[in-house]
Amino acid sequence: MREAYDWTRLTIGGAWRALWLFVLPFLLVNLVAWMQPRRPCGTDKLHTKVAGAVYEFGARLLPLSLTVLVVGTFGQLDQFAWQCARDTTAVSCSSP
């Protein structure tokens, strides 16, 4: 049986090697801004400029929102773990 790609090699070699799996979505979503299709040469140049500006705005907003989402998630998890570690008898830290 042949495999198309051996995924185990991405995680063999320590934490720095496995970090690429975490960074890969950020890398791909940041490439969206440079993958904008070529603007067609039409008679309505205002329409193509507006469409290009909307695409560029969305392409810049998508990576920013992903970054804010991940940083906020890790911030909330860190705060939750810090509060639970401080008081081990807290009811809010136990699972229902």
N, C-alpha and C. Protein backbone atom coordinates (compact mmCIF):
# COMPACT_ATOMS: atom_id res chain seq x y z
N MET A 1 0.84 -1.18 0.00
CA MET A 1 0.00 0.00 0.00
C MET A 1 0.89 1.25 0.00
N ARG A 2 0.64 2.14 -0.91
CA ARG A 2 1.42 3.38 -1.00
C ARG A 2 0.67 4.51 -0.34
N GLU A 3 1.42 5.40 0.28
CA GLU A 3 0.82 6.57 0.92
C GLU A 3 1.18 7.81 0.11
N ALA A 4 0.25 8.74 0.08
CA ALA A 4 0.51 9.98 -0.65
C ALA A 4 1.48 10.87 0.13
N TYR A 5 1.36 10.87 1.45
CA TYR A 5 2.25 11.69 2.27
C TYR A 5 2.35 11.06 3.64
N ASP A 6 3.53 11.05 4.20
CA ASP A 6 3.75 10.48 5.52
C ASP A 6 3.64 11.59 6.55
N TRP A 7 2.48 11.69 7.21
CA TRP A 7 2.22 12.76 8.17
C TRP A 7 3.01 12.59 9.45
N THR A 8 3.51 11.41 9.75
CA THR A 8 4.24 11.21 11.00
C THR A 8 5.56 11.96 11.01
N ARG A 9 6.11 12.26 9.86
CA ARG A 9 7.38 13.00 9.84
C ARG A 9 7.23 14.45 10.28
N LEU A 10 6.03 14.98 10.25
CA LEU A 10 5.83 16.35 10.71
C LEU A 10 5.98 16.49 12.22
N THR A 11 5.64 15.43 12.95
CA THR A 11 5.70 15.52 14.41
C THR A 11 6.91 14.83 15.01
N ILE A 12 7.68 14.11 14.24
CA ILE A 12 8.91 13.50 14.76
C ILE A 12 10.00 14.56 14.70
N GLY A 13 10.63 14.77 15.83
CA GLY A 13 11.72 15.74 15.85
C GLY A 13 11.50 16.84 16.87
N GLY A 14 10.55 16.71 17.73
CA GLY A 14 10.40 17.67 18.80
C GLY A 14 9.27 18.66 18.57
N ALA A 15 9.17 19.57 19.53
CA ALA A 15 8.07 20.54 19.52
C ALA A 15 8.21 21.56 18.40
N TRP A 16 9.43 21.94 18.04
CA TRP A 16 9.60 22.93 16.98
C TRP A 16 9.12 22.40 15.65
N ARG A 17 9.29 21.12 15.43
CA ARG A 17 8.83 20.53 14.18
C ARG A 17 7.29 20.47 14.15
N ALA A 18 6.69 20.16 15.29
CA ALA A 18 5.23 20.09 15.37
C ALA A 18 4.59 21.47 15.31
N LEU A 19 5.35 22.51 15.60
CA LEU A 19 4.82 23.87 15.56
C LEU A 19 4.36 24.25 14.15
N TRP A 20 4.95 23.65 13.13
CA TRP A 20 4.54 23.95 11.76
C TRP A 20 3.09 23.59 11.50
N LEU A 21 2.61 22.55 12.16
CA LEU A 21 1.20 22.19 12.00
C LEU A 21 0.29 23.28 12.55
N PHE A 22 0.73 23.97 13.59
CA PHE A 22 -0.05 25.05 14.17
C PHE A 22 0.05 26.32 13.32
N VAL A 23 1.20 26.58 12.74
CA VAL A 23 1.44 27.81 11.99
C VAL A 23 0.90 27.73 10.55
N LEU A 24 0.70 26.53 10.05
CA LEU A 24 0.27 26.35 8.66
C LEU A 24 -1.04 27.07 8.31
N PRO A 25 -2.10 27.04 9.13
CA PRO A 25 -3.31 27.79 8.77
C PRO A 25 -3.08 29.30 8.68
N PHE A 26 -2.23 29.83 9.56
CA PHE A 26 -1.92 31.26 9.49
C PHE A 26 -1.16 31.59 8.21
N LEU A 27 -0.25 30.73 7.83
CA LEU A 27 0.51 30.94 6.60
C LEU A 27 -0.42 30.95 5.39
N LEU A 28 -1.32 30.00 5.32
CA LEU A 28 -2.22 29.91 4.17
C LEU A 28 -3.21 31.07 4.11
N VAL A 29 -3.74 31.47 5.27
CA VAL A 29 -4.73 32.54 5.27
C VAL A 29 -4.06 33.90 4.97
N ASN A 30 -2.79 34.05 5.29
CA ASN A 30 -2.09 35.29 4.96
C ASN A 30 -1.72 35.36 3.48
N LEU A 31 -1.70 34.23 2.80
CA LEU A 31 -1.42 34.22 1.36
C LEU A 31 -2.60 34.68 0.52
N VAL A 32 -3.77 34.75 1.12
CA VAL A 32 -4.99 35.13 0.38
C VAL A 32 -4.85 36.51 -0.24
N ALA A 33 -4.19 37.43 0.45
CA ALA A 33 -4.06 38.79 -0.08
C ALA A 33 -3.23 38.82 -1.36
N TRP A 34 -2.28 37.91 -1.51
CA TRP A 34 -1.46 37.89 -2.71
C TRP A 34 -2.05 37.02 -3.81
N MET A 35 -3.13 36.32 -3.53
CA MET A 35 -3.76 35.47 -4.54
C MET A 35 -4.94 36.15 -5.20
N GLN A 36 -5.02 37.45 -5.12
CA GLN A 36 -6.11 38.18 -5.74
C GLN A 36 -6.05 38.01 -7.25
N PRO A 37 -7.18 37.66 -7.85
CA PRO A 37 -7.17 37.49 -9.31
C PRO A 37 -6.94 38.83 -10.01
N ARG A 38 -6.42 38.73 -11.20
CA ARG A 38 -6.16 39.93 -11.99
C ARG A 38 -7.46 40.63 -12.33
N ARG A 39 -7.43 41.94 -12.22
CA ARG A 39 -8.64 42.72 -12.52
C ARG A 39 -8.87 42.75 -14.03
N PRO A 40 -10.08 42.48 -14.45
CA PRO A 40 -10.35 42.49 -15.89
C PRO A 40 -10.31 43.91 -16.45
N CYS A 41 -9.90 44.01 -17.68
CA CYS A 41 -9.86 45.32 -18.33
C CYS A 41 -11.21 45.59 -18.95
N GLY A 42 -12.04 46.26 -18.22
CA GLY A 42 -13.37 46.57 -18.72
C GLY A 42 -13.54 48.07 -18.91
N THR A 43 -14.71 48.46 -19.31
CA THR A 43 -14.97 49.88 -19.51
C THR A 43 -15.32 50.56 -18.19
N ASP A 44 -15.82 49.80 -17.23
CA ASP A 44 -16.21 50.36 -15.94
C ASP A 44 -15.06 50.21 -14.95
N LYS A 45 -14.15 51.17 -14.96
CA LYS A 45 -12.98 51.07 -14.09
C LYS A 45 -13.32 51.30 -12.63
N LEU A 46 -14.36 52.07 -12.36
CA LEU A 46 -14.76 52.30 -10.98
C LEU A 46 -15.24 51.00 -10.34
N HIS A 47 -15.99 50.21 -11.09
CA HIS A 47 -16.49 48.94 -10.58
C HIS A 47 -15.34 47.99 -10.25
N THR A 48 -14.34 47.92 -11.09
CA THR A 48 -13.21 47.02 -10.83
C THR A 48 -12.37 47.51 -9.65
N LYS A 49 -12.24 48.84 -9.49
CA LYS A 49 -11.50 49.36 -8.35
C LYS A 49 -12.22 49.07 -7.04
N VAL A 50 -13.52 49.23 -7.03
CA VAL A 50 -14.31 48.96 -5.82
C VAL A 50 -14.26 47.47 -5.50
N ALA A 51 -14.41 46.62 -6.51
CA ALA A 51 -14.36 45.18 -6.28
C ALA A 51 -12.99 44.76 -5.76
N GLY A 52 -11.93 45.34 -6.29
CA GLY A 52 -10.58 45.04 -5.82
C GLY A 52 -10.36 45.51 -4.39
N ALA A 53 -10.91 46.67 -4.06
CA ALA A 53 -10.76 47.20 -2.70
C ALA A 53 -11.53 46.34 -1.69
N VAL A 54 -12.71 45.88 -2.07
CA VAL A 54 -13.50 45.02 -1.18
C VAL A 54 -12.78 43.69 -0.98
N TYR A 55 -12.24 43.13 -2.05
CA TYR A 55 -11.49 41.88 -1.93
C TYR A 55 -10.27 42.04 -1.03
N GLU A 56 -9.55 43.13 -1.22
CA GLU A 56 -8.35 43.37 -0.42
C GLU A 56 -8.70 43.58 1.05
N PHE A 57 -9.79 44.30 1.31
CA PHE A 57 -10.22 44.49 2.70
C PHE A 57 -10.59 43.16 3.35
N GLY A 58 -11.33 42.34 2.64
CA GLY A 58 -11.69 41.03 3.18
C GLY A 58 -10.49 40.12 3.37
N ALA A 59 -9.53 40.22 2.43
CA ALA A 59 -8.32 39.40 2.52
C ALA A 59 -7.44 39.83 3.69
N ARG A 60 -7.50 41.08 4.08
CA ARG A 60 -6.74 41.54 5.25
C ARG A 60 -7.51 41.29 6.55
N LEU A 61 -8.83 41.32 6.49
CA LEU A 61 -9.64 41.12 7.69
C LEU A 61 -9.66 39.65 8.12
N LEU A 62 -9.62 38.73 7.18
CA LEU A 62 -9.66 37.31 7.50
C LEU A 62 -8.48 36.87 8.36
N PRO A 63 -7.22 37.16 8.00
CA PRO A 63 -6.11 36.75 8.88
C PRO A 63 -6.14 37.46 10.23
N LEU A 64 -6.55 38.71 10.23
CA LEU A 64 -6.63 39.44 11.49
C LEU A 64 -7.65 38.81 12.43
N SER A 65 -8.79 38.44 11.90
CA SER A 65 -9.82 37.82 12.75
C SER A 65 -9.38 36.44 13.23
N LEU A 66 -8.67 35.67 12.41
CA LEU A 66 -8.15 34.38 12.85
C LEU A 66 -7.14 34.54 13.96
N THR A 67 -6.25 35.52 13.83
CA THR A 67 -5.25 35.78 14.86
C THR A 67 -5.90 36.21 16.17
N VAL A 68 -6.85 37.10 16.10
CA VAL A 68 -7.54 37.57 17.30
C VAL A 68 -8.30 36.41 17.95
N LEU A 69 -8.91 35.57 17.15
CA LEU A 69 -9.65 34.42 17.68
C LEU A 69 -8.73 33.46 18.43
N VAL A 70 -7.60 33.13 17.85
CA VAL A 70 -6.68 32.18 18.49
C VAL A 70 -6.04 32.79 19.73
N VAL A 71 -5.60 34.04 19.66
CA VAL A 71 -4.99 34.69 20.82
C VAL A 71 -6.01 34.83 21.95
N GLY A 72 -7.23 35.19 21.61
CA GLY A 72 -8.28 35.29 22.63
C GLY A 72 -8.61 33.96 23.26
N THR A 73 -8.62 32.90 22.45
CA THR A 73 -8.90 31.57 22.99
C THR A 73 -7.82 31.13 23.96
N PHE A 74 -6.56 31.32 23.56
CA PHE A 74 -5.47 30.94 24.46
C PHE A 74 -5.45 31.81 25.71
N GLY A 75 -5.81 33.07 25.57
CA GLY A 75 -5.89 33.95 26.74
C GLY A 75 -6.95 33.49 27.71
N GLN A 76 -8.11 33.10 27.21
CA GLN A 76 -9.18 32.62 28.07
C GLN A 76 -8.83 31.28 28.72
N LEU A 77 -8.19 30.39 27.97
CA LEU A 77 -7.77 29.12 28.54
C LEU A 77 -6.72 29.32 29.63
N ASP A 78 -5.80 30.25 29.41
CA ASP A 78 -4.79 30.53 30.40
C ASP A 78 -5.42 31.11 31.67
N GLN A 79 -6.36 32.01 31.51
CA GLN A 79 -7.03 32.60 32.66
C GLN A 79 -7.84 31.55 33.43
N PHE A 80 -8.52 30.67 32.72
CA PHE A 80 -9.30 29.62 33.35
C PHE A 80 -8.39 28.66 34.12
N ALA A 81 -7.27 28.27 33.51
CA ALA A 81 -6.33 27.36 34.18
C ALA A 81 -5.70 28.03 35.38
N TRP A 82 -5.40 29.31 35.29
CA TRP A 82 -4.80 30.03 36.41
C TRP A 82 -5.78 30.11 37.58
N GLN A 83 -7.04 30.36 37.31
CA GLN A 83 -8.04 30.44 38.37
C GLN A 83 -8.29 29.06 38.99
N CYS A 84 -8.28 28.02 38.20
CA CYS A 84 -8.52 26.68 38.74
C CYS A 84 -7.32 26.17 39.52
N ALA A 85 -6.12 26.55 39.12
CA ALA A 85 -4.93 26.12 39.84
C ALA A 85 -4.82 26.82 41.19
N ARG A 86 -5.34 28.00 41.30
CA ARG A 86 -5.26 28.76 42.54
C ARG A 86 -6.14 28.15 43.62
N ASP A 87 -7.34 27.72 43.25
CA ASP A 87 -8.27 27.14 44.20
C ASP A 87 -8.70 25.77 43.70
N THR A 88 -8.13 24.72 44.28
CA THR A 88 -8.40 23.37 43.77
C THR A 88 -9.76 22.84 44.20
N THR A 89 -10.42 23.49 45.15
CA THR A 89 -11.73 23.00 45.60
C THR A 89 -12.87 23.77 44.95
N ALA A 90 -12.56 24.58 43.96
CA ALA A 90 -13.60 25.41 43.33
C ALA A 90 -14.59 24.53 42.57
N VAL A 91 -15.84 24.87 42.68
CA VAL A 91 -16.90 24.12 42.00
C VAL A 91 -16.87 24.40 40.51
N SER A 92 -16.48 25.62 40.10
CA SER A 92 -16.51 25.99 38.69
C SER A 92 -15.49 25.25 37.86
N CYS A 93 -14.47 24.69 38.49
CA CYS A 93 -13.43 23.99 37.74
C CYS A 93 -13.75 22.50 37.53
N SER A 94 -14.70 21.99 38.30
CA SER A 94 -15.04 20.58 38.12
C SER A 94 -16.02 20.43 36.97
N SER A 95 -15.97 19.27 36.33
CA SER A 95 -16.87 19.05 35.21
C SER A 95 -18.25 18.67 35.74
N PRO A 96 -19.33 19.10 35.08
CA PRO A 96 -20.69 18.82 35.56
C PRO A 96 -21.08 17.38 35.40
